[in-house]
Amino acid sequence: MTAFRISTPVAEAFPETLIALVTATGLRGQEPWPATTTALEDLEQELADGTWQPADESDPRIEAWHTAYRSFGTNPRRIRPSVDALGRRMAKKGTLPRINPAVDSYNAVSVRHGLPAGAFDLDHVTGHVEIRYADGTETFTPLGEPDTTETPKPGEIIYTDTTSVLTRHWNHRDAHRTRVTEDSANVAFVIETLNATRDGHHLKAAAHELQGLLTPHADQTTVHYLTPAQPNSQAQ
């Protein structure tokens, strides 16, 4: 099992944080996922019909992340929170990217609910995972750039395991090492909000929706929650 933890300084700085940890074991990414295909197509049709649109930076859910990014020295209009970037891309192109079923599932849920989401291949995670402030000594290899090494600035919020950084700027970009592919069998998905009082029901609905997309294609799925009051959880 892989432990996930919110560090005390991050918990104190963002006391309304709520993170859903959705884990899937025995995932079968090579088979068709018709419900995920339908979820993507439904979103795109609703956008085309004008009955729904992605949350933008005027939405309180996105605005909260912009404020958080600025607090740790990141310009959120240059380096955007994942859900902001994905929603802007969808609004411009009218479609969501098709990567693989697991990634497509959390992208659909993320954009639908206006909440950042991501995932880690647990077979490539070392030790525990912690959400903490960078100290400037860590290294990060961006998704799709295996020959690139970056060093987060001190004070930037990161996900990291005992080897290297898993996400930069909290949820802007994932690492190449723990990327989720069609062959990933054991995966931890995260869905995040900075305002549990306002958005907790959205997040729990999103976690339930994601679990529903994963369950037909996994041996087991579970949902746990991380909060400043309960900052530790285990990915099964």
Protein backbone atom coordinates (compact mmCIF):
# COMPACT_ATOMS: atom_id res chain seq x y z
CA MET A 1 0.00 0.00 0.00
CA THR A 2 1.11 3.55 -0.75
CA ALA A 3 0.56 6.20 1.90
CA PHE A 4 -0.63 9.68 0.87
CA ARG A 5 -0.14 12.63 3.21
CA ILE A 6 -0.82 16.37 3.35
CA SER A 7 2.07 18.05 5.14
CA THR A 8 1.30 20.15 8.19
CA PRO A 9 2.40 23.49 6.62
CA VAL A 10 0.17 22.91 3.56
CA ALA A 11 -2.73 21.82 5.78
CA GLU A 12 -2.34 24.97 7.86
CA ALA A 13 -2.12 27.25 4.82
CA PHE A 14 -5.15 25.64 3.12
CA PRO A 15 -7.42 24.46 5.96
CA GLU A 16 -10.41 23.83 3.68
CA THR A 17 -8.55 21.35 1.46
CA LEU A 18 -10.42 18.16 0.59
CA ILE A 19 -8.86 15.52 -1.64
CA ALA A 20 -10.56 12.35 -2.85
CA LEU A 21 -8.19 9.45 -3.31
CA VAL A 22 -9.77 6.94 -5.69
CA THR A 23 -7.71 3.79 -6.11
CA ALA A 24 -8.11 1.02 -8.66
CA THR A 25 -6.29 -2.29 -8.62
CA GLY A 26 -6.23 -4.81 -11.44
CA LEU A 27 -7.11 -2.08 -13.94
CA ARG A 28 -7.67 -3.26 -17.51
CA GLY A 29 -6.82 -0.35 -19.76
CA GLN A 30 -6.60 -2.34 -22.97
CA GLU A 31 -10.31 -3.17 -23.16
CA PRO A 32 -13.11 -0.86 -24.39
CA TRP A 33 -14.56 1.52 -21.78
CA PRO A 34 -17.92 2.42 -23.32
CA ALA A 35 -19.16 4.47 -20.35
CA THR A 36 -16.08 6.69 -20.54
CA THR A 37 -16.56 7.13 -24.27
CA THR A 38 -20.16 8.17 -23.63
CA ALA A 39 -19.13 10.59 -20.85
CA LEU A 40 -16.71 12.36 -23.18
CA GLU A 41 -19.17 12.50 -26.06
CA ASP A 42 -21.97 13.78 -23.81
CA LEU A 43 -19.79 16.63 -22.53
CA GLU A 44 -18.79 17.60 -26.03
CA GLN A 45 -22.39 17.53 -27.23
CA GLU A 46 -23.56 19.67 -24.31
CA LEU A 47 -20.83 22.20 -25.10
CA ALA A 48 -21.85 22.23 -28.76
CA ASP A 49 -25.52 22.67 -27.80
CA GLY A 50 -24.72 25.53 -25.45
CA THR A 51 -26.29 23.76 -22.47
CA TRP A 52 -23.02 23.48 -20.53
CA GLN A 53 -19.57 25.01 -20.57
CA PRO A 54 -16.37 24.40 -18.63
CA ALA A 55 -15.68 26.48 -15.53
CA ASP A 56 -13.40 29.41 -16.30
CA GLU A 57 -11.29 31.63 -14.07
CA SER A 58 -14.34 33.67 -13.03
CA ASP A 59 -15.78 30.54 -11.39
CA PRO A 60 -15.08 30.35 -7.62
CA ARG A 61 -13.69 26.81 -8.00
CA ILE A 62 -11.04 28.00 -10.47
CA GLU A 63 -10.50 31.36 -8.78
CA ALA A 64 -9.53 29.56 -5.56
CA TRP A 65 -6.73 27.74 -7.36
CA HIS A 66 -5.50 30.95 -8.97
CA THR A 67 -5.29 32.52 -5.51
CA ALA A 68 -3.44 29.47 -4.18
CA TYR A 69 -0.98 29.49 -7.07
CA ARG A 70 -0.19 33.15 -6.46
CA SER A 71 0.39 32.42 -2.77
CA PHE A 72 3.31 30.14 -3.62
CA GLY A 73 4.74 32.35 -6.34
CA THR A 74 3.22 30.87 -9.51
CA ASN A 75 1.44 33.03 -12.09
CA PRO A 76 -1.78 31.06 -12.75
CA ARG A 77 -2.40 32.72 -16.09
CA ARG A 78 0.95 31.52 -17.37
CA ILE A 79 1.10 28.19 -15.53
CA ARG A 80 -2.52 27.16 -15.11
CA PRO A 81 -4.17 24.68 -12.74
CA SER A 82 -4.89 21.47 -14.62
CA VAL A 83 -8.68 21.85 -14.71
CA ASP A 84 -8.36 25.45 -15.89
CA ALA A 85 -6.03 24.50 -18.74
CA LEU A 86 -8.18 21.51 -19.73
CA GLY A 87 -11.40 23.52 -19.66
CA ARG A 88 -9.88 26.31 -21.76
CA ARG A 89 -8.65 23.77 -24.30
CA MET A 90 -12.08 22.17 -24.51
CA ALA A 91 -13.87 25.53 -24.85
CA LYS A 92 -11.55 26.44 -27.73
CA LYS A 93 -11.50 23.12 -29.61
CA GLY A 94 -14.88 21.71 -28.65
CA THR A 95 -13.38 18.37 -27.69
CA LEU A 96 -11.37 16.71 -24.96
CA PRO A 97 -8.14 14.86 -25.81
CA ARG A 98 -8.25 11.07 -26.02
CA ILE A 99 -5.25 9.64 -24.18
CA ASN A 100 -6.27 6.26 -22.77
CA PRO A 101 -9.39 5.09 -20.91
CA ALA A 102 -8.17 5.80 -17.37
CA VAL A 103 -6.87 9.29 -18.19
CA ASP A 104 -9.93 10.06 -20.31
CA SER A 105 -12.12 9.07 -17.35
CA TYR A 106 -10.58 11.49 -14.88
CA ASN A 107 -10.38 14.25 -17.49
CA ALA A 108 -14.12 13.95 -18.13
CA VAL A 109 -14.89 14.00 -14.42
CA SER A 110 -12.51 16.91 -13.80
CA VAL A 111 -14.02 19.15 -16.47
CA ARG A 112 -17.60 18.15 -15.64
CA HIS A 113 -17.20 19.16 -12.00
CA GLY A 114 -14.69 21.99 -12.34
CA LEU A 115 -12.18 20.30 -10.04
CA PRO A 116 -8.52 19.38 -10.68
CA ALA A 117 -7.88 15.67 -11.08
CA GLY A 118 -4.82 13.56 -11.75
CA ALA A 119 -3.46 10.06 -11.36
CA PHE A 120 -0.33 8.10 -10.49
CA ASP A 121 0.73 4.61 -11.57
CA LEU A 122 1.36 3.10 -8.15
CA ASP A 123 3.74 0.49 -9.56
CA HIS A 124 6.13 3.36 -10.31
CA VAL A 125 5.69 5.26 -7.04
CA THR A 126 8.41 4.83 -4.41
CA GLY A 127 7.63 5.04 -0.72
CA HIS A 128 4.96 7.45 0.46
CA VAL A 129 3.44 10.41 -1.41
CA GLU A 130 3.36 13.80 0.28
CA ILE A 131 1.82 17.14 -0.68
CA ARG A 132 4.29 19.70 0.64
CA TYR A 133 6.27 22.83 -0.06
CA ALA A 134 9.37 22.25 -2.18
CA ASP A 135 12.71 23.06 -0.57
CA GLY A 136 14.53 23.61 -3.87
CA THR A 137 16.54 20.38 -3.88
CA GLU A 138 13.93 18.18 -5.59
CA THR A 139 13.94 17.09 -9.23
CA PHE A 140 11.07 16.70 -11.68
CA THR A 141 10.85 15.09 -15.10
CA PRO A 142 7.78 16.41 -16.97
CA LEU A 143 5.25 14.13 -18.62
CA GLY A 144 6.30 13.47 -22.19
CA GLU A 145 9.81 14.82 -21.64
CA PRO A 146 11.81 11.92 -20.20
CA ASP A 147 15.14 13.60 -20.91
CA THR A 148 14.24 16.87 -19.15
CA THR A 149 15.01 17.60 -15.50
CA GLU A 150 13.51 20.57 -13.67
CA THR A 151 13.97 21.85 -10.13
CA PRO A 152 10.86 23.33 -8.46
CA LYS A 153 11.47 26.63 -6.71
CA PRO A 154 11.51 26.67 -2.91
CA GLY A 155 7.98 27.24 -1.61
CA GLU A 156 6.19 25.74 -4.63
CA ILE A 157 3.61 23.14 -3.59
CA ILE A 158 4.35 19.70 -5.03
CA TYR A 159 3.30 16.09 -4.83
CA THR A 160 6.44 14.04 -4.27
CA ASP A 161 7.44 10.51 -3.36
CA THR A 162 10.79 9.41 -1.94
CA THR A 163 12.48 9.54 -5.37
CA SER A 164 11.36 12.75 -7.07
CA VAL A 165 8.52 15.18 -7.71
CA LEU A 166 5.24 13.75 -9.07
CA THR A 167 3.44 17.03 -9.83
CA ARG A 168 4.58 20.66 -10.07
CA HIS A 169 2.62 23.71 -8.94
CA TRP A 170 0.32 21.40 -6.93
CA ASN A 171 -1.61 20.13 -9.96
CA HIS A 172 -0.29 21.91 -13.05
CA ARG A 173 1.72 19.08 -14.58
CA ASP A 174 2.40 15.40 -13.87
CA ALA A 175 5.70 13.55 -13.92
CA HIS A 176 6.75 11.18 -16.68
CA ARG A 177 7.75 8.36 -14.32
CA THR A 178 4.32 7.82 -12.76
CA ARG A 179 2.22 8.56 -15.85
CA VAL A 180 -0.84 6.39 -16.38
CA THR A 181 -0.86 4.31 -19.58
CA GLU A 182 -3.09 1.59 -21.00
CA ASP A 183 -0.84 -0.91 -19.22
CA SER A 184 -1.13 0.67 -15.77
CA ALA A 185 -2.75 -1.89 -13.48
CA ASN A 186 -2.67 -0.18 -10.08
CA VAL A 187 -3.56 3.51 -10.09
CA ALA A 188 -4.35 6.21 -7.54
CA PHE A 189 -6.55 9.04 -8.82
CA VAL A 190 -6.87 12.34 -6.95
CA ILE A 191 -9.63 14.96 -7.17
CA GLU A 192 -9.08 18.20 -5.27
CA THR A 193 -10.83 21.25 -3.86
CA LEU A 194 -9.56 24.08 -1.66
CA ASN A 195 -13.02 24.86 -0.28
CA ALA A 196 -14.60 21.79 1.28
CA THR A 197 -17.50 23.76 2.76
CA ARG A 198 -18.60 25.10 -0.62
CA ASP A 199 -17.47 22.33 -2.96
CA GLY A 200 -17.38 19.18 -0.86
CA HIS A 201 -20.58 17.83 -2.39
CA HIS A 202 -19.19 18.46 -5.89
CA LEU A 203 -16.01 16.59 -5.01
CA LYS A 204 -17.79 13.60 -3.50
CA ALA A 205 -20.08 13.40 -6.53
CA ALA A 206 -17.03 13.53 -8.78
CA ALA A 207 -15.30 10.77 -6.82
CA HIS A 208 -18.41 8.60 -7.04
CA GLU A 209 -18.68 9.26 -10.77
CA LEU A 210 -15.03 8.38 -11.36
CA GLN A 211 -15.31 5.22 -9.30
CA GLY A 212 -18.32 4.24 -11.42
CA LEU A 213 -16.28 4.60 -14.61
CA LEU A 214 -13.39 2.57 -13.17
CA THR A 215 -15.23 -0.26 -11.42
CA PRO A 216 -16.25 -2.28 -14.52
CA HIS A 217 -12.60 -2.40 -15.58
CA ALA A 218 -10.86 -3.11 -12.26
CA ASP A 219 -10.61 -5.92 -9.74
CA GLN A 220 -11.22 -3.46 -6.88
CA THR A 221 -11.85 0.25 -6.37
CA THR A 222 -11.89 2.28 -3.17
CA VAL A 223 -12.45 5.93 -2.20
CA HIS A 224 -10.75 7.67 0.72
CA TYR A 225 -10.53 11.35 1.63
CA LEU A 226 -7.64 13.52 2.79
CA THR A 227 -8.28 16.64 4.87
CA PRO A 228 -6.14 18.79 7.17
CA ALA A 229 -7.89 17.05 10.09
CA GLN A 230 -7.21 13.62 8.58
CA PRO A 231 -4.07 14.21 6.51
CA ASN A 232 -3.07 10.58 5.96
CA SER A 233 -4.59 7.83 3.84
CA GLN A 234 -3.58 4.59 2.16
CA ALA A 235 -3.94 3.74 -1.51
CA GLN A 236 -4.88 0.09 -1.50
